[in-house]
């Protein structure tokens, strides 16, 4: 949680709001790969990439 707090404070101080969508997309892709890696959805996830 400290990493997320530090990241949020960095975004607030430096006004780097354009990084927020990039971080969200990377998190969603990571979650999709973790969930899709060991389930029946895996063949459908791998066709996206």
PDB file of N, CA and C in Angstrom:
ATOM      1  N   UNK A   1       0.815  -1.198   0.000  1.00  0.00           N
ATOM      2  CA  UNK A   1       0.000   0.000   0.000  1.00  0.00           C
ATOM      3  C   UNK A   1       0.862   1.266   0.000  1.00  0.00           C
ATOM      4  N   UNK A   2       2.067   1.180   0.535  1.00  0.00           N
ATOM      5  CA  UNK A   2       2.932   2.359   0.553  1.00  0.00           C
ATOM      6  C   UNK A   2       3.289   2.810  -0.852  1.00  0.00           C
ATOM      7  N   UNK A   3       3.455   1.841  -1.743  1.00  0.00           N
ATOM      8  CA  UNK A   3       3.778   2.183  -3.128  1.00  0.00           C
ATOM      9  C   UNK A   3       2.636   2.975  -3.763  1.00  0.00           C
ATOM     10  N   UNK A   4       1.405   2.549  -3.520  1.00  0.00           N
ATOM     11  CA  UNK A   4       0.263   3.260  -4.096  1.00  0.00           C
ATOM     12  C   UNK A   4       0.119   4.652  -3.504  1.00  0.00           C
ATOM     13  N   UNK A   5       0.387   4.784  -2.215  1.00  0.00           N
ATOM     14  CA  UNK A   5       0.343   6.107  -1.576  1.00  0.00           C
ATOM     15  C   UNK A   5       1.402   7.021  -2.184  1.00  0.00           C
ATOM     16  N   UNK A   6       2.615   6.497  -2.328  1.00  0.00           N
ATOM     17  CA  UNK A   6       3.693   7.295  -2.909  1.00  0.00           C
ATOM     18  C   UNK A   6       3.376   7.684  -4.349  1.00  0.00           C
ATOM     19  N   UNK A   7       2.820   6.765  -5.092  1.00  0.00           N
ATOM     20  CA  UNK A   7       2.447   7.047  -6.473  1.00  0.00           C
ATOM     21  C   UNK A   7       1.376   8.128  -6.536  1.00  0.00           C
ATOM     22  N   UNK A   8       0.391   8.051  -5.662  1.00  0.00           N
ATOM     23  CA  UNK A   8      -0.679   9.049  -5.636  1.00  0.00           C
ATOM     24  C   UNK A   8      -0.130  10.429  -5.265  1.00  0.00           C
ATOM     25  N   UNK A   9       0.754  10.471  -4.269  1.00  0.00           N
ATOM     26  CA  UNK A   9       1.342  11.753  -3.878  1.00  0.00           C
ATOM     27  C   UNK A   9       2.213  12.331  -4.999  1.00  0.00           C
ATOM     28  N   UNK A  10       2.911  11.459  -5.710  1.00  0.00           N
ATOM     29  CA  UNK A  10       3.708  11.911  -6.846  1.00  0.00           C
ATOM     30  C   UNK A  10       2.823  12.539  -7.913  1.00  0.00           C
ATOM     31  N   UNK A  11       1.701  11.874  -8.218  1.00  0.00           N
ATOM     32  CA  UNK A  11       0.788  12.409  -9.231  1.00  0.00           C
ATOM     33  C   UNK A  11       0.189  13.739  -8.784  1.00  0.00           C
ATOM     34  N   UNK A  12      -0.116  13.860  -7.504  1.00  0.00           N
ATOM     35  CA  UNK A  12      -0.707  15.100  -6.994  1.00  0.00           C
ATOM     36  C   UNK A  12       0.299  16.258  -7.018  1.00  0.00           C
ATOM     37  N   UNK A  13       1.531  15.988  -6.580  1.00  0.00           N
ATOM     38  CA  UNK A  13       2.536  17.049  -6.493  1.00  0.00           C
ATOM     39  C   UNK A  13       3.001  17.509  -7.866  1.00  0.00           C
ATOM     40  N   UNK A  14       3.293  16.558  -8.730  1.00  0.00           N
ATOM     41  CA  UNK A  14       3.907  16.901 -10.013  1.00  0.00           C
ATOM     42  C   UNK A  14       2.899  17.197 -11.114  1.00  0.00           C
ATOM     43  N   UNK A  15       1.623  16.995 -10.828  1.00  0.00           N
ATOM     44  CA  UNK A  15       0.549  17.223 -11.813  1.00  0.00           C
ATOM     45  C   UNK A  15       0.749  16.367 -13.069  1.00  0.00           C
ATOM     46  N   UNK A  16       1.104  15.132 -12.858  1.00  0.00           N
ATOM     47  CA  UNK A  16       1.328  14.184 -13.958  1.00  0.00           C
ATOM     48  C   UNK A  16       0.069  13.350 -14.183  1.00  0.00           C
ATOM     49  N   UNK A  17      -1.038  14.005 -14.461  1.00  0.00           N
ATOM     50  CA  UNK A  17      -2.318  13.317 -14.593  1.00  0.00           C
ATOM     51  C   UNK A  17      -2.374  12.437 -15.833  1.00  0.00           C
ATOM     52  N   UNK A  18      -1.522  12.686 -16.828  1.00  0.00           N
ATOM     53  CA  UNK A  18      -1.533  11.858 -18.021  1.00  0.00           C
ATOM     54  C   UNK A  18      -1.005  10.453 -17.729  1.00  0.00           C
ATOM     55  N   UNK A  19      -0.312  10.272 -16.605  1.00  0.00           N
ATOM     56  CA  UNK A  19       0.183   8.942 -16.237  1.00  0.00           C
ATOM     57  C   UNK A  19      -0.926   8.044 -15.685  1.00  0.00           C
ATOM     58  N   UNK A  20      -1.984   8.636 -15.174  1.00  0.00           N
ATOM     59  CA  UNK A  20      -3.049   7.852 -14.546  1.00  0.00           C
ATOM     60  C   UNK A  20      -3.699   6.856 -15.509  1.00  0.00           C
ATOM     61  N   UNK A  21      -4.097   7.238 -16.736  1.00  0.00           N
ATOM     62  CA  UNK A  21      -4.669   6.237 -17.651  1.00  0.00           C
ATOM     63  C   UNK A  21      -3.679   5.141 -18.034  1.00  0.00           C
ATOM     64  N   UNK A  22      -2.406   5.498 -18.148  1.00  0.00           N
ATOM     65  CA  UNK A  22      -1.383   4.501 -18.482  1.00  0.00           C
ATOM     66  C   UNK A  22      -1.266   3.473 -17.371  1.00  0.00           C
ATOM     67  N   UNK A  23      -1.241   3.927 -16.140  1.00  0.00           N
ATOM     68  CA  UNK A  23      -1.140   3.026 -14.995  1.00  0.00           C
ATOM     69  C   UNK A  23      -2.375   2.136 -14.897  1.00  0.00           C
ATOM     70  N   UNK A  24      -3.546   2.695 -15.116  1.00  0.00           N
ATOM     71  CA  UNK A  24      -4.787   1.917 -15.037  1.00  0.00           C
ATOM     72  C   UNK A  24      -4.813   0.841 -16.115  1.00  0.00           C
ATOM     73  N   UNK A  25      -4.419   1.181 -17.336  1.00  0.00           N
ATOM     74  CA  UNK A  25      -4.411   0.195 -18.423  1.00  0.00           C
ATOM     75  C   UNK A  25      -3.406  -0.917 -18.123  1.00  0.00           C
ATOM     76  N   UNK A  26      -2.234  -0.562 -17.620  1.00  0.00           N
ATOM     77  CA  UNK A  26      -1.243  -1.590 -17.281  1.00  0.00           C
ATOM     78  C   UNK A  26      -1.747  -2.512 -16.174  1.00  0.00           C
ATOM     79  N   UNK A  27      -2.419  -1.952 -15.180  1.00  0.00           N
ATOM     80  CA  UNK A  27      -2.978  -2.780 -14.111  1.00  0.00           C
ATOM     81  C   UNK A  27      -4.061  -3.721 -14.643  1.00  0.00           C
ATOM     82  N   UNK A  28      -4.925  -3.215 -15.519  1.00  0.00           N
ATOM     83  CA  UNK A  28      -5.981  -4.056 -16.076  1.00  0.00           C
ATOM     84  C   UNK A  28      -5.418  -5.179 -16.936  1.00  0.00           C
ATOM     85  N   UNK A  29      -4.403  -4.896 -17.735  1.00  0.00           N
ATOM     86  CA  UNK A  29      -3.782  -5.943 -18.554  1.00  0.00           C
ATOM     87  C   UNK A  29      -3.112  -6.981 -17.658  1.00  0.00           C
ATOM     88  N   UNK A  30      -2.460  -6.535 -16.602  1.00  0.00           N
ATOM     89  CA  UNK A  30      -1.825  -7.470 -15.673  1.00  0.00           C
ATOM     90  C   UNK A  30      -2.835  -8.362 -14.977  1.00  0.00           C
ATOM     91  N   UNK A  31      -3.942  -7.780 -14.540  1.00  0.00           N
ATOM     92  CA  UNK A  31      -4.999  -8.569 -13.895  1.00  0.00           C
ATOM     93  C   UNK A  31      -5.603  -9.558 -14.881  1.00  0.00           C
ATOM     94  N   UNK A  32      -5.806  -9.118 -16.109  1.00  0.00           N
ATOM     95  CA  UNK A  32      -6.360  -9.998 -17.143  1.00  0.00           C
ATOM     96  C   UNK A  32      -5.447 -11.181 -17.407  1.00  0.00           C
ATOM     97  N   UNK A  33      -4.153 -10.953 -17.450  1.00  0.00           N
ATOM     98  CA  UNK A  33      -3.211 -12.048 -17.686  1.00  0.00           C
ATOM     99  C   UNK A  33      -3.138 -13.007 -16.499  1.00  0.00           C
ATOM    100  N   UNK A  34      -3.202 -12.477 -15.288  1.00  0.00           N
ATOM    101  CA  UNK A  34      -3.148 -13.337 -14.101  1.00  0.00           C
ATOM    102  C   UNK A  34      -4.404 -14.195 -14.006  1.00  0.00           C
ATOM    103  N   UNK A  35      -5.558 -13.590 -14.224  1.00  0.00           N
ATOM    104  CA  UNK A  35      -6.815 -14.336 -14.140  1.00  0.00           C
ATOM    105  C   UNK A  35      -6.938 -15.319 -15.296  1.00  0.00           C
ATOM    106  N   UNK A  36      -6.566 -14.877 -16.481  1.00  0.00           N
ATOM    107  CA  UNK A  36      -6.722 -15.723 -17.660  1.00  0.00           C
ATOM    108  C   UNK A  36      -5.668 -16.793 -17.798  1.00  0.00           C
ATOM    109  N   UNK A  37      -4.596 -16.697 -17.047  1.00  0.00           N
ATOM    110  CA  UNK A  37      -3.503 -17.661 -17.172  1.00  0.00           C
ATOM    111  C   UNK A  37      -3.850 -19.060 -16.694  1.00  0.00           C
ATOM    112  N   UNK A  38      -4.695 -19.178 -15.712  1.00  0.00           N
ATOM    113  CA  UNK A  38      -4.965 -20.486 -15.138  1.00  0.00           C
ATOM    114  C   UNK A  38      -6.416 -20.882 -15.191  1.00  0.00           C
ATOM    115  N   UNK A  39      -7.151 -20.403 -16.173  1.00  0.00           N
ATOM    116  CA  UNK A  39      -8.565 -20.721 -16.215  1.00  0.00           C
ATOM    117  C   UNK A  39      -8.963 -21.164 -17.618  1.00  0.00           C
ATOM    118  N   UNK A  40     -10.229 -21.422 -17.798  1.00  0.00           N
ATOM    119  CA  UNK A  40     -10.743 -21.844 -19.093  1.00  0.00           C
ATOM    120  C   UNK A  40     -10.818 -20.677 -20.075  1.00  0.00           C
ATOM    121  N   UNK A  41     -10.621 -19.475 -19.584  1.00  0.00           N
ATOM    122  CA  UNK A  41     -10.682 -18.284 -20.433  1.00  0.00           C
ATOM    123  C   UNK A  41      -9.343 -18.041 -21.127  1.00  0.00           C
ATOM    124  N   UNK A  42      -8.305 -18.761 -20.737  1.00  0.00           N
ATOM    125  CA  UNK A  42      -6.957 -18.528 -21.243  1.00  0.00           C
ATOM    126  C   UNK A  42      -6.864 -18.501 -22.768  1.00  0.00           C
ATOM    127  N   UNK A  43      -7.457 -19.436 -23.515  1.00  0.00           N
ATOM    128  CA  UNK A  43      -7.332 -19.352 -24.972  1.00  0.00           C
ATOM    129  C   UNK A  43      -7.928 -18.073 -25.555  1.00  0.00           C
ATOM    130  N   UNK A  44      -8.958 -17.549 -24.950  1.00  0.00           N
ATOM    131  CA  UNK A  44      -9.577 -16.321 -25.452  1.00  0.00           C
ATOM    132  C   UNK A  44      -8.742 -15.097 -25.105  1.00  0.00           C
ATOM    133  N   UNK A  45      -8.074 -15.138 -23.954  1.00  0.00           N
ATOM    134  CA  UNK A  45      -7.224 -14.015 -23.557  1.00  0.00           C
ATOM    135  C   UNK A  45      -6.013 -13.941 -24.465  1.00  0.00           C
ATOM    136  N   UNK A  46      -5.410 -15.087 -24.783  1.00  0.00           N
ATOM    137  CA  UNK A  46      -4.203 -15.096 -25.581  1.00  0.00           C
ATOM    138  C   UNK A  46      -4.473 -14.680 -27.024  1.00  0.00           C
ATOM    139  N   UNK A  47      -5.700 -14.805 -27.503  1.00  0.00           N
ATOM    140  CA  UNK A  47      -5.998 -14.344 -28.852  1.00  0.00           C
ATOM    141  C   UNK A  47      -6.032 -12.823 -28.925  1.00  0.00           C
ATOM    142  N   UNK A  48      -6.234 -12.154 -27.789  1.00  0.00           N
ATOM    143  CA  UNK A  48      -6.196 -10.694 -27.777  1.00  0.00           C
ATOM    144  C   UNK A  48      -4.797 -10.152 -28.020  1.00  0.00           C
ATOM    145  N   UNK A  49      -3.790 -10.920 -27.631  1.00  0.00           N
ATOM    146  CA  UNK A  49      -2.407 -10.454 -27.764  1.00  0.00           C
ATOM    147  C   UNK A  49      -1.741 -11.220 -28.874  1.00  0.00           C
TER     148      UNK A  49
END
